[in-house]
C-alpha atoms as a PDB file:
ATOM      1  CA  MET A   1     -70.868  -0.907  37.840  1.00  0.00           C
ATOM      2  CA  ASN A   2     -67.250  -1.074  38.654  1.00  0.00           C
ATOM      3  CA  ASP A   3     -64.855   0.667  36.319  1.00  0.00           C
ATOM      4  CA  PHE A   4     -61.745  -1.691  35.619  1.00  0.00           C
ATOM      5  CA  ARG A   5     -60.341   0.063  32.605  1.00  0.00           C
ATOM      6  CA  PHE A   6     -56.629  -0.663  32.263  1.00  0.00           C
ATOM      7  CA  ALA A   7     -55.500   2.933  31.191  1.00  0.00           C
ATOM      8  CA  PRO A   8     -55.380   5.453  33.922  1.00  0.00           C
ATOM      9  CA  ASP A   9     -58.157   7.871  34.536  1.00  0.00           C
ATOM     10  CA  ALA A  10     -57.940  10.867  36.858  1.00  0.00           C
ATOM     11  CA  GLN A  11     -61.665  11.470  37.262  1.00  0.00           C
ATOM     12  CA  ARG A  12     -61.950   7.400  38.370  1.00  0.00           C
ATOM     13  CA  ALA A  13     -59.175   7.759  40.796  1.00  0.00           C
ATOM     14  CA  ARG A  14     -60.732  10.662  42.107  1.00  0.00           C
ATOM     15  CA  LEU A  15     -64.108   8.835  42.932  1.00  0.00           C
ATOM     16  CA  ILE A  16     -62.039   5.863  44.454  1.00  0.00           C
ATOM     17  CA  ASP A  17     -60.396   8.033  46.605  1.00  0.00           C
ATOM     18  CA  HIS A  18     -63.437   9.587  47.653  1.00  0.00           C
ATOM     19  CA  ARG A  19     -65.107   6.299  48.353  1.00  0.00           C
ATOM     20  CA  MET A  20     -61.828   5.108  50.555  1.00  0.00           C
ATOM     21  CA  ARG A  21     -62.203   8.177  52.666  1.00  0.00           C
ATOM     22  CA  THR A  22     -66.087   7.804  52.733  1.00  0.00           C
ATOM     23  CA  LEU A  23     -65.577   4.331  53.880  1.00  0.00           C
ATOM     24  CA  LEU A  24     -63.074   5.279  56.662  1.00  0.00           C
ATOM     25  CA  GLY A  25     -65.711   8.139  57.805  1.00  0.00           C
ATOM     26  CA  GLU A  26     -68.734   5.777  58.266  1.00  0.00           C
ATOM     27  CA  SER A  27     -66.343   3.252  59.932  1.00  0.00           C
ATOM     28  CA  LEU A  28     -65.514   5.620  62.321  1.00  0.00           C
ATOM     29  CA  GLU A  29     -69.247   6.602  63.173  1.00  0.00           C
ATOM     30  CA  HIS A  30     -69.779   3.035  63.542  1.00  0.00           C
ATOM     31  CA  ILE A  31     -66.970   2.828  66.257  1.00  0.00           C
ATOM     32  CA  ALA A  32     -68.325   5.922  67.970  1.00  0.00           C
ATOM     33  CA  ASP A  33     -71.704   4.066  68.355  1.00  0.00           C
ATOM     34  CA  GLN A  34     -70.135   1.011  69.619  1.00  0.00           C
ATOM     35  CA  ILE A  35     -68.040   2.667  72.220  1.00  0.00           C
ATOM     36  CA  ARG A  36     -70.230   5.347  73.531  1.00  0.00           C
ATOM     37  CA  GLY A  37     -70.227   4.884  77.036  1.00  0.00           C
ATOM     38  CA  GLN A  38     -67.357   2.534  77.361  1.00  0.00           C
ATOM     39  CA  ILE A  39     -64.446   5.007  76.335  1.00  0.00           C
ATOM     40  CA  SER A  40     -64.044   8.507  77.065  1.00  0.00           C
ATOM     41  CA  PHE A  41     -63.953  10.481  73.699  1.00  0.00           C
ATOM     42  CA  ASN A  42     -65.002  13.901  72.479  1.00  0.00           C
ATOM     43  CA  GLU A  43     -67.922  12.549  69.950  1.00  0.00           C
ATOM     44  CA  GLU A  44     -68.230  16.077  68.421  1.00  0.00           C
ATOM     45  CA  GLN A  45     -64.537  15.774  67.256  1.00  0.00           C
ATOM     46  CA  LEU A  46     -64.608  12.340  66.037  1.00  0.00           C
ATOM     47  CA  GLN A  47     -68.083  13.307  63.967  1.00  0.00           C
ATOM     48  CA  ASN A  48     -66.336  16.227  62.400  1.00  0.00           C
ATOM     49  CA  ILE A  49     -63.395  14.276  61.350  1.00  0.00           C
ATOM     50  CA  ALA A  50     -65.862  11.610  60.001  1.00  0.00           C
ATOM     51  CA  THR A  51     -67.949  13.915  58.404  1.00  0.00           C
ATOM     52  CA  ARG A  52     -65.138  15.663  56.697  1.00  0.00           C
ATOM     53  CA  LEU A  53     -63.834  12.334  55.576  1.00  0.00           C
ATOM     54  CA  LYS A  54     -67.158  11.465  53.861  1.00  0.00           C
ATOM     55  CA  GLN A  55     -66.917  15.039  51.910  1.00  0.00           C
ATOM     56  CA  GLY A  56     -63.581  13.797  50.563  1.00  0.00           C
ATOM     57  CA  GLU A  57     -61.248  15.722  52.495  1.00  0.00           C
ATOM     58  CA  LYS A  58     -57.764  14.363  52.315  1.00  0.00           C
ATOM     59  CA  TYR A  59     -56.681  13.395  55.948  1.00  0.00           C
ATOM     60  CA  PRO A  60     -52.892  12.041  55.661  1.00  0.00           C
ATOM     61  CA  PRO A  61     -51.886   8.179  55.628  1.00  0.00           C
ATOM     62  CA  SER A  62     -51.220   8.600  59.134  1.00  0.00           C
ATOM     63  CA  THR A  63     -55.179   8.939  59.819  1.00  0.00           C
ATOM     64  CA  PHE A  64     -55.804   5.478  58.175  1.00  0.00           C
ATOM     65  CA  ALA A  65     -52.862   4.113  59.974  1.00  0.00           C
ATOM     66  CA  ILE A  66     -54.219   5.013  63.530  1.00  0.00           C
ATOM     67  CA  TYR A  67     -57.322   3.518  62.565  1.00  0.00           C
ATOM     68  CA  THR A  68     -55.883   0.276  61.404  1.00  0.00           C
ATOM     69  CA  GLU A  69     -54.422   0.206  65.204  1.00  0.00           C
ATOM     70  CA  LEU A  70     -57.400   1.437  66.820  1.00  0.00           C
ATOM     71  CA  VAL A  71     -59.559  -1.430  65.251  1.00  0.00           C
ATOM     72  CA  LYS A  72     -56.973  -4.070  66.554  1.00  0.00           C
ATOM     73  CA  ILE A  73     -56.263  -2.854  69.680  1.00  0.00           C
ATOM     74  CA  LEU A  74     -60.491  -2.398  70.118  1.00  0.00           C
ATOM     75  CA  LEU A  75     -61.077  -6.010  69.039  1.00  0.00           C
ATOM     76  CA  ALA A  76     -58.501  -7.050  71.604  1.00  0.00           C
ATOM     77  CA  GLY A  77     -60.464  -5.248  74.112  1.00  0.00           C
ATOM     78  CA  ASN A  78     -57.882  -2.934  75.395  1.00  0.00           C
ATOM     79  CA  PHE A  79     -60.081   0.191  75.823  1.00  0.00           C
ATOM     80  CA  ALA A  80     -57.144   1.964  77.953  1.00  0.00           C
ATOM     81  CA  GLU A  81     -55.006   1.853  74.765  1.00  0.00           C
ATOM     82  CA  ALA A  82     -57.775   2.597  72.626  1.00  0.00           C
ATOM     83  CA  GLU A  83     -58.545   5.821  74.441  1.00  0.00           C
ATOM     84  CA  GLY A  84     -55.167   7.323  73.687  1.00  0.00           C
ATOM     85  CA  LEU A  85     -55.211   6.255  70.096  1.00  0.00           C
ATOM     86  CA  LEU A  86     -58.783   8.129  69.744  1.00  0.00           C
ATOM     87  CA  ALA A  87     -57.013  11.093  71.147  1.00  0.00           C
ATOM     88  CA  GLU A  88     -54.133  10.908  68.532  1.00  0.00           C
ATOM     89  CA  LEU A  89     -56.827  10.563  65.875  1.00  0.00           C
ATOM     90  CA  LEU A  90     -58.440  13.526  66.861  1.00  0.00           C
ATOM     91  CA  GLN A  91     -55.318  15.603  66.348  1.00  0.00           C
ATOM     92  CA  GLU A  92     -55.025  14.606  62.694  1.00  0.00           C
ATOM     93  CA  LYS A  93     -55.675  17.485  60.425  1.00  0.00           C
ATOM     94  CA  PRO A  94     -56.072  17.288  56.588  1.00  0.00           C
ATOM     95  CA  VAL A  95     -53.374  17.718  54.021  1.00  0.00           C
ATOM     96  CA  THR A  96     -53.157  20.665  51.695  1.00  0.00           C
ATOM     97  CA  ASN A  97     -51.322  21.260  48.493  1.00  0.00           C
ATOM     98  CA  THR A  98     -51.240  17.175  47.946  1.00  0.00           C
ATOM     99  CA  PRO A  99     -49.091  15.297  46.963  1.00  0.00           C
ATOM    100  CA  GLN A 100     -47.373  16.363  50.267  1.00  0.00           C
ATOM    101  CA  ILE A 101     -43.668  15.557  50.028  1.00  0.00           C
ATOM    102  CA  ALA A 102     -41.881  14.903  53.043  1.00  0.00           C
ATOM    103  CA  PRO A 103     -38.696  12.913  54.646  1.00  0.00           C
ATOM    104  CA  LEU A 104     -39.498  10.447  57.399  1.00  0.00           C
ATOM    105  CA  ASP A 105     -38.122  12.552  60.258  1.00  0.00           C
ATOM    106  CA  SER A 106     -40.372  15.432  59.002  1.00  0.00           C
ATOM    107  CA  PRO A 107     -42.151  17.569  61.772  1.00  0.00           C
ATOM    108  CA  LEU A 108     -45.475  16.768  59.344  1.00  0.00           C
ATOM    109  CA  LEU A 109     -44.702  12.877  60.537  1.00  0.00           C
ATOM    110  CA  ALA A 110     -43.208  13.182  63.840  1.00  0.00           C
ATOM    111  CA  ARG A 111     -46.011  11.638  65.870  1.00  0.00           C
ATOM    112  CA  GLN A 112     -46.921   9.136  63.532  1.00  0.00           C
ATOM    113  CA  ALA A 113     -43.665   8.197  61.420  1.00  0.00           C
ATOM    114  CA  GLU A 114     -42.824   4.854  63.791  1.00  0.00           C
ATOM    115  CA  ARG A 115     -46.381   3.680  63.275  1.00  0.00           C
ATOM    116  CA  MET A 116     -46.252   3.921  59.548  1.00  0.00           C
ATOM    117  CA  LYS A 117     -42.947   2.676  59.373  1.00  0.00           C
ATOM    118  CA  GLN A 118     -44.178  -0.448  61.289  1.00  0.00           C
ATOM    119  CA  LEU A 119     -47.080  -0.946  58.799  1.00  0.00           C
ATOM    120  CA  MET A 120     -44.691  -0.850  55.778  1.00  0.00           C
ATOM    121  CA  GLY A 121     -43.164  -4.174  57.070  1.00  0.00           C
ATOM    122  CA  SER A 122     -45.049  -7.736  56.765  1.00  0.00           C
ATOM    123  CA  ASP A 123     -43.969  -8.510  60.278  1.00  0.00           C
ATOM    124  CA  PRO A 124     -45.757  -6.550  62.950  1.00  0.00           C
ATOM    125  CA  ASP A 125     -43.269  -7.710  65.408  1.00  0.00           C
ATOM    126  CA  THR A 126     -40.194  -6.692  63.543  1.00  0.00           C
ATOM    127  CA  GLU A 127     -38.984  -3.145  62.685  1.00  0.00           C
ATOM    128  CA  PHE A 128     -38.915  -2.253  58.766  1.00  0.00           C
ATOM    129  CA  PRO A 129     -35.182  -1.391  57.989  1.00  0.00           C
ATOM    130  CA  ILE A 130     -35.963   2.247  56.699  1.00  0.00           C
ATOM    131  CA  THR A 131     -34.774   5.418  58.300  1.00  0.00           C
ATOM    132  CA  ALA A 132     -34.808   9.210  56.850  1.00  0.00           C
ATOM    133  CA  PRO A 133     -32.727  10.604  54.268  1.00  0.00           C
ATOM    134  CA  SER A 134     -29.941  13.120  55.062  1.00  0.00           C
ATOM    135  CA  GLN A 135     -30.933  16.951  54.217  1.00  0.00           C
ATOM    136  CA  GLN A 136     -28.831  16.799  51.141  1.00  0.00           C
ATOM    137  CA  VAL A 137     -30.319  13.558  49.838  1.00  0.00           C
ATOM    138  CA  THR A 138     -33.624  15.220  50.594  1.00  0.00           C
ATOM    139  CA  GLU A 139     -32.795  18.113  48.612  1.00  0.00           C
ATOM    140  CA  THR A 140     -31.485  16.219  45.629  1.00  0.00           C
ATOM    141  CA  PHE A 141     -34.359  13.759  45.593  1.00  0.00           C
ATOM    142  CA  THR A 142     -37.047  16.489  45.857  1.00  0.00           C
ATOM    143  CA  SER A 143     -35.538  18.472  42.825  1.00  0.00           C
ATOM    144  CA  ARG A 144     -35.699  15.092  40.896  1.00  0.00           C
ATOM    145  CA  LEU A 145     -39.100  14.323  41.910  1.00  0.00           C
ATOM    146  CA  GLY A 146     -40.309  17.669  40.802  1.00  0.00           C
ATOM    147  CA  GLU A 147     -38.701  17.263  37.398  1.00  0.00           C
ATOM    148  CA  THR A 148     -39.985  13.852  36.739  1.00  0.00           C
ATOM    149  CA  MET A 149     -43.657  15.021  37.604  1.00  0.00           C
ATOM    150  CA  LYS A 150     -43.052  17.939  35.011  1.00  0.00           C
ATOM    151  CA  LEU A 151     -41.968  15.146  32.619  1.00  0.00           C
ATOM    152  CA  MET A 152     -44.853  12.992  33.474  1.00  0.00           C
ATOM    153  CA  GLU A 153     -47.547  15.987  33.250  1.00  0.00           C
ATOM    154  CA  SER A 154     -46.097  16.829  29.429  1.00  0.00           C
ATOM    155  CA  THR A 155     -46.012  13.490  28.465  1.00  0.00           C
ATOM    156  CA  ILE A 156     -48.488  11.379  30.214  1.00  0.00           C
ATOM    157  CA  PRO A 157     -51.001  13.550  32.008  1.00  0.00           C
ATOM    158  CA  GLU A 158     -53.390  11.135  32.740  1.00  0.00           C
ATOM    159  CA  LEU A 159     -51.144   9.110  34.574  1.00  0.00           C
ATOM    160  CA  ALA A 160     -50.007  12.185  36.385  1.00  0.00           C
ATOM    161  CA  GLY A 161     -53.734  13.110  37.237  1.00  0.00           C
ATOM    162  CA  GLU A 162     -54.253   9.790  38.318  1.00  0.00           C
ATOM    163  CA  ILE A 163     -51.200   9.836  40.802  1.00  0.00           C
ATOM    164  CA  ASN A 164     -52.473  13.637  42.137  1.00  0.00           C
ATOM    165  CA  ALA A 165     -55.830  11.991  42.711  1.00  0.00           C
ATOM    166  CA  LEU A 166     -54.557   8.783  44.642  1.00  0.00           C
ATOM    167  CA  ILE A 167     -51.356   9.984  46.614  1.00  0.00           C
ATOM    168  CA  SER A 168     -51.520  12.519  49.010  1.00  0.00           C
ATOM    169  CA  GLN A 169     -48.494  12.206  50.646  1.00  0.00           C
ATOM    170  CA  ILE A 170     -44.893  11.017  49.290  1.00  0.00           C
ATOM    171  CA  ILE A 171     -42.614  10.098  52.538  1.00  0.00           C
ATOM    172  CA  MET A 172     -38.876   9.910  51.452  1.00  0.00           C
ATOM    173  CA  VAL A 173     -36.841   7.157  53.162  1.00  0.00           C
ATOM    174  CA  VAL A 174     -33.296   5.540  52.626  1.00  0.00           C
ATOM    175  CA  PRO A 175     -32.682   1.784  53.942  1.00  0.00           C
ATOM    176  CA  ASP A 176     -31.269   1.315  57.044  1.00  0.00           C
ATOM    177  CA  SER A 177     -27.366   1.190  56.595  1.00  0.00           C
ATOM    178  CA  GLU A 178     -27.209  -2.068  58.694  1.00  0.00           C
ATOM    179  CA  SER A 179     -29.744  -3.983  56.571  1.00  0.00           C
ATOM    180  CA  ASP A 180     -29.117  -5.852  53.512  1.00  0.00           C
ATOM    181  CA  TYR A 181     -32.781  -5.303  52.761  1.00  0.00           C
ATOM    182  CA  ARG A 182     -33.602  -3.480  49.008  1.00  0.00           C
ATOM    183  CA  PHE A 183     -36.283  -1.141  49.409  1.00  0.00           C
ATOM    184  CA  ASP A 184     -37.150   0.946  46.518  1.00  0.00           C
ATOM    185  CA  GLY A 185     -40.686   1.933  47.210  1.00  0.00           C
ATOM    186  CA  GLY A 186     -43.964   0.901  48.713  1.00  0.00           C
ATOM    187  CA  SER A 187     -47.507   1.582  49.781  1.00  0.00           C
ATOM    188  CA  SER A 188     -50.076   0.061  52.039  1.00  0.00           C
ATOM    189  CA  TYR A 189     -53.769  -0.073  51.987  1.00  0.00           C
ATOM    190  CA  MET A 190     -53.678   0.544  55.724  1.00  0.00           C
ATOM    191  CA  MET A 191     -52.320   3.765  54.996  1.00  0.00           C
ATOM    192  CA  TRP A 192     -54.474   4.901  52.142  1.00  0.00           C
ATOM    193  CA  GLY A 193     -52.593   7.671  49.885  1.00  0.00           C
ATOM    194  CA  GLY A 194     -49.013   7.163  51.547  1.00  0.00           C
ATOM    195  CA  LEU A 195     -46.130   6.497  49.181  1.00  0.00           C
ATOM    196  CA  PHE A 196     -42.890   5.615  50.512  1.00  0.00           C
ATOM    197  CA  LEU A 197     -39.835   6.147  48.012  1.00  0.00           C
ATOM    198  CA  ASN A 198     -36.218   5.277  48.622  1.00  0.00           C
ATOM    199  CA  ALA A 199     -34.598   8.912  48.063  1.00  0.00           C
ATOM    200  CA  LEU A 200     -31.243   6.759  47.181  1.00  0.00           C
ATOM    201  CA  ALA A 201     -32.728   4.949  44.240  1.00  0.00           C
ATOM    202  CA  HIS A 202     -34.195   6.018  40.828  1.00  0.00           C
ATOM    203  CA  GLU A 203     -31.569   8.075  39.828  1.00  0.00           C
ATOM    204  CA  ASN A 204     -32.913   9.341  36.841  1.00  0.00           C
ATOM    205  CA  GLU A 205     -36.284  10.712  35.869  1.00  0.00           C
ATOM    206  CA  ILE A 206     -37.097   7.561  33.697  1.00  0.00           C
ATOM    207  CA  ALA A 207     -36.457   5.461  36.450  1.00  0.00           C
ATOM    208  CA  LEU A 208     -38.294   7.354  38.883  1.00  0.00           C
ATOM    209  CA  LEU A 209     -41.335   7.868  36.698  1.00  0.00           C
ATOM    210  CA  GLU A 210     -41.604   4.178  36.294  1.00  0.00           C
ATOM    211  CA  VAL A 211     -41.593   3.700  40.129  1.00  0.00           C
ATOM    212  CA  LEU A 212     -44.265   6.139  40.617  1.00  0.00           C
ATOM    213  CA  ALA A 213     -46.115   4.352  37.856  1.00  0.00           C
ATOM    214  CA  HIS A 214     -45.344   1.429  39.865  1.00  0.00           C
ATOM    215  CA  GLU A 215     -46.426   2.590  43.267  1.00  0.00           C
ATOM    216  CA  SER A 216     -49.485   4.412  42.252  1.00  0.00           C
ATOM    217  CA  ALA A 217     -50.873   1.118  40.377  1.00  0.00           C
ATOM    218  CA  HIS A 218     -50.665  -0.491  43.385  1.00  0.00           C
ATOM    219  CA  MET A 219     -52.758   1.943  45.106  1.00  0.00           C
ATOM    220  CA  LEU A 220     -55.407   1.970  42.373  1.00  0.00           C
ATOM    221  CA  LEU A 221     -55.486  -1.878  42.964  1.00  0.00           C
ATOM    222  CA  PHE A 222     -56.114  -1.314  46.751  1.00  0.00           C
ATOM    223  CA  GLY A 223     -59.277   0.539  45.676  1.00  0.00           C
ATOM    224  CA  PHE A 224     -60.622  -1.900  43.080  1.00  0.00           C
ATOM    225  CA  CYS A 225     -60.542  -4.525  45.875  1.00  0.00           C
ATOM    226  CA  ARG A 226     -62.696  -2.347  48.231  1.00  0.00           C
ATOM    227  CA  ASP A 227     -65.364  -4.748  47.808  1.00  0.00           C
ATOM    228  CA  GLU A 228     -63.862  -8.157  47.130  1.00  0.00           C
ATOM    229  CA  MET A 229     -60.379  -9.446  47.028  1.00  0.00           C
ATOM    230  CA  LEU A 230     -58.658 -10.185  44.027  1.00  0.00           C
ATOM    231  CA  VAL A 231     -57.406 -13.522  44.683  1.00  0.00           C
ATOM    232  CA  SER A 232     -59.048 -16.373  47.099  1.00  0.00           C
ATOM    233  CA  ASN A 233     -55.586 -18.111  47.700  1.00  0.00           C
ATOM    234  CA  SER A 234     -54.606 -18.246  51.363  1.00  0.00           C
ATOM    235  CA  ASP A 235     -51.511 -16.070  52.226  1.00  0.00           C
ATOM    236  CA  ASP A 236     -49.773 -19.305  53.585  1.00  0.00           C
ATOM    237  CA  GLU A 237     -49.568 -20.404  49.869  1.00  0.00           C
ATOM    238  CA  LEU A 238     -46.330 -19.354  48.335  1.00  0.00           C
ATOM    239  CA  PHE A 239     -45.297 -19.096  44.880  1.00  0.00           C
ATOM    240  CA  PRO A 240     -42.418 -17.500  42.431  1.00  0.00           C
ATOM    241  CA  SER A 241     -42.840 -13.770  41.946  1.00  0.00           C
ATOM    242  CA  PRO A 242     -41.806 -12.087  38.778  1.00  0.00           C
ATOM    243  CA  LEU A 243     -40.198  -9.110  40.848  1.00  0.00           C
ATOM    244  CA  ARG A 244     -38.977 -10.865  43.886  1.00  0.00           C
ATOM    245  CA  PHE A 245     -36.539 -13.656  44.677  1.00  0.00           C
ATOM    246  CA  ASP A 246     -38.291 -15.005  47.453  1.00  0.00           C
ATOM    247  CA  PRO A 247     -41.542 -17.032  47.008  1.00  0.00           C
ATOM    248  CA  ARG A 248     -44.591 -14.760  47.575  1.00  0.00           C
ATOM    249  CA  PRO A 249     -48.219 -15.330  48.332  1.00  0.00           C
ATOM    250  CA  MET A 250     -50.547 -15.031  45.518  1.00  0.00           C
ATOM    251  CA  ASP A 251     -52.014 -11.521  46.064  1.00  0.00           C
ATOM    252  CA  GLY A 252     -48.682 -10.014  45.998  1.00  0.00           C
ATOM    253  CA  ILE A 253     -47.832 -11.902  42.686  1.00  0.00           C
ATOM    254  CA  TYR A 254     -51.174 -10.787  41.260  1.00  0.00           C
ATOM    255  CA  HIS A 255     -50.256  -7.139  42.249  1.00  0.00           C
ATOM    256  CA  ALA A 256     -46.715  -7.244  40.745  1.00  0.00           C
ATOM    257  CA  THR A 257     -48.380  -8.989  37.375  1.00  0.00           C
ATOM    258  CA  TRP A 258     -50.905  -6.227  37.044  1.00  0.00           C
ATOM    259  CA  VAL A 259     -48.546  -3.454  37.714  1.00  0.00           C
ATOM    260  CA  SER A 260     -45.797  -4.636  35.490  1.00  0.00           C
ATOM    261  CA  ALA A 261     -48.403  -4.216  32.489  1.00  0.00           C
ATOM    262  CA  ARG A 262     -48.973  -0.655  34.003  1.00  0.00           C
ATOM    263  CA  MET A 263     -45.210   0.038  33.980  1.00  0.00           C
ATOM    264  CA  HIS A 264     -44.900  -1.046  30.602  1.00  0.00           C
ATOM    265  CA  TRP A 265     -47.812   1.045  29.333  1.00  0.00           C
ATOM    266  CA  ALA A 266     -46.099   4.260  31.132  1.00  0.00           C
ATOM    267  CA  MET A 267     -42.761   3.545  29.318  1.00  0.00           C
ATOM    268  CA  SER A 268     -44.768   3.095  25.961  1.00  0.00           C
ATOM    269  CA  GLN A 269     -46.352   6.444  26.311  1.00  0.00           C
ATOM    270  CA  LEU A 270     -43.114   7.929  27.203  1.00  0.00           C
ATOM    271  CA  ILE A 271     -41.319   6.436  24.135  1.00  0.00           C
ATOM    272  CA  ASN A 272     -44.244   7.808  21.854  1.00  0.00           C
ATOM    273  CA  SER A 273     -44.451  11.064  22.950  1.00  0.00           C
ATOM    274  CA  GLY A 274     -41.504  12.362  21.056  1.00  0.00           C
ATOM    275  CA  GLN A 275     -39.929  14.398  23.846  1.00  0.00           C
ATOM    276  CA  LEU A 276     -37.083  12.051  25.143  1.00  0.00           C
ATOM    277  CA  THR A 277     -33.233  12.442  24.690  1.00  0.00           C
ATOM    278  CA  GLN A 278     -31.794   9.412  22.949  1.00  0.00           C
ATOM    279  CA  PRO A 279     -30.192   8.408  26.237  1.00  0.00           C
ATOM    280  CA  GLN A 280     -33.683   8.669  27.912  1.00  0.00           C
ATOM    281  CA  LEU A 281     -35.256   6.716  25.080  1.00  0.00           C
ATOM    282  CA  GLU A 282     -32.963   3.748  25.346  1.00  0.00           C
ATOM    283  CA  LEU A 283     -33.502   3.679  29.099  1.00  0.00           C
ATOM    284  CA  ALA A 284     -37.251   3.764  28.625  1.00  0.00           C
ATOM    285  CA  THR A 285     -37.106   0.902  25.936  1.00  0.00           C
ATOM    286  CA  SER A 286     -34.915  -1.085  28.141  1.00  0.00           C
ATOM    287  CA  HIS A 287     -37.399  -0.764  31.247  1.00  0.00           C
ATOM    288  CA  MET A 288     -40.158  -1.599  28.673  1.00  0.00           C
ATOM    289  CA  GLN A 289     -38.729  -4.645  27.493  1.00  0.00           C
ATOM    290  CA  ALA A 290     -38.318  -5.590  31.165  1.00  0.00           C
ATOM    291  CA  ASP A 291     -41.725  -4.826  32.111  1.00  0.00           C
ATOM    292  CA  LYS A 292     -43.220  -7.093  29.438  1.00  0.00           C
ATOM    293  CA  VAL A 293     -40.958 -10.162  30.677  1.00  0.00           C
ATOM    294  CA  ASN A 294     -41.934  -9.642  34.125  1.00  0.00           C
ATOM    295  CA  PHE A 295     -45.772  -9.787  32.947  1.00  0.00           C
ATOM    296  CA  GLU A 296     -45.441 -12.516  31.280  1.00  0.00           C
ATOM    297  CA  ASN A 297     -43.509 -14.657  33.867  1.00  0.00           C
ATOM    298  CA  GLY A 298     -46.263 -13.196  36.589  1.00  0.00           C
ATOM    299  CA  TYR A 299     -49.401 -14.034  34.368  1.00  0.00           C
ATOM    300  CA  GLY A 300     -48.176 -17.631  34.118  1.00  0.00           C
ATOM    301  CA  VAL A 301     -48.179 -18.219  37.853  1.00  0.00           C
ATOM    302  CA  VAL A 302     -51.481 -16.355  38.133  1.00  0.00           C
ATOM    303  CA  LYS A 303     -53.127 -18.233  35.169  1.00  0.00           C
ATOM    304  CA  GLN A 304     -51.787 -21.593  36.382  1.00  0.00           C
ATOM    305  CA  HIS A 305     -52.090 -21.264  40.482  1.00  0.00           C
ATOM    306  CA  ALA A 306     -54.592 -18.122  41.353  1.00  0.00           C
ATOM    307  CA  LYS A 307     -57.971 -18.786  42.630  1.00  0.00           C
ATOM    308  CA  LEU A 308     -59.517 -15.334  40.803  1.00  0.00           C
ATOM    309  CA  THR A 309     -62.638 -13.846  42.306  1.00  0.00           C
ATOM    310  CA  PRO A 310     -64.667 -12.244  39.698  1.00  0.00           C
ATOM    311  CA  THR A 311     -63.196  -8.884  40.598  1.00  0.00           C
ATOM    312  CA  GLY A 312     -59.664 -10.342  40.029  1.00  0.00           C
ATOM    313  CA  ARG A 313     -60.715 -11.882  36.561  1.00  0.00           C
ATOM    314  CA  ALA A 314     -62.320  -8.551  35.539  1.00  0.00           C
ATOM    315  CA  VAL A 315     -59.315  -6.742  36.727  1.00  0.00           C
ATOM    316  CA  MET A 316     -56.469  -8.672  34.899  1.00  0.00           C
ATOM    317  CA  GLN A 317     -58.355  -9.190  31.823  1.00  0.00           C
ATOM    318  CA  PRO A 318     -57.946  -5.351  30.404  1.00  0.00           C
ATOM    319  CA  ALA A 319     -54.379  -5.846  31.256  1.00  0.00           C
ATOM    320  CA  ARG A 320     -53.811  -9.172  29.377  1.00  0.00           C
ATOM    321  CA  ASP A 321     -55.683  -7.331  26.500  1.00  0.00           C
ATOM    322  CA  TYR A 322     -53.207  -4.411  26.512  1.00  0.00           C
ATOM    323  CA  MET A 323     -50.136  -6.728  26.561  1.00  0.00           C
ATOM    324  CA  ASP A 324     -51.446  -8.864  23.758  1.00  0.00           C
ATOM    325  CA  SER A 325     -52.209  -5.661  21.547  1.00  0.00           C
ATOM    326  CA  VAL A 326     -48.201  -4.621  22.071  1.00  0.00           C
ATOM    327  CA  PRO A 327     -45.696  -5.709  19.155  1.00  0.00           C
ATOM    328  CA  ASN A 328     -43.294  -8.744  20.132  1.00  0.00           C
END
């Protein structure tokens, strides 16, 4: 039976992560069976990666990104390009000491940065307007991230455990200087385990902790809906979103709504920890109040327009119950 409890749970997160990696391993085995004799590839090496994935080894988000492109290319019948992608896939190695933290231009990402950047955007034909941070920005943000994780581990250990289980790589980026697009952070089911963060935003530990709660919650939802989507609305149907100025598909609004409840929970746990300074307490309270407004706005749209699947109903109800339990 699926476990859709609202509060973070590190053990559940580890099981979800293992399941996602197992599914990728099984899919690679299926691909090998289908292309055998049609495309040249090292079958022993591919089977080794598939086996290690099924054992739960933490291959990086780029492994999932290559797989995403490989499937698209195979479905298009472009076997020559697929052979090159398979060769890239066989070069992938598991990540150690997770979550690994690196700027977009890190040698760790050199071969895959452009592909991953492309997958972060909603339009595959348009370059997503993010780039690598400077060395100074990288160093400052890395230090702040370390302090934020220490704060989280001491105040909300269950959330820290969930994040450590779900996130294998944190990729630091900054917005392109020529773009007006605002980017705080993001993740994608096509790059499981990867979290992109704007290293120029989140200028204090409270804001950074909240965005970590935000983005890891998206990752958890990706894991929750591995067998069934959350909503059955078409992506062509657009509705007002609580967190965006532009209309969004219902799946995005559902995500934003549930995630707002998780952010509220995180701020509430911080406030109740007794470990915040007065300025931090005031900031966390302000964030928490905004999260409640965003949840209620989003929930109203979901309630009125969403075509919820059984999974979608089962996931949203505990979030609704939590928000109903908090004081007005």
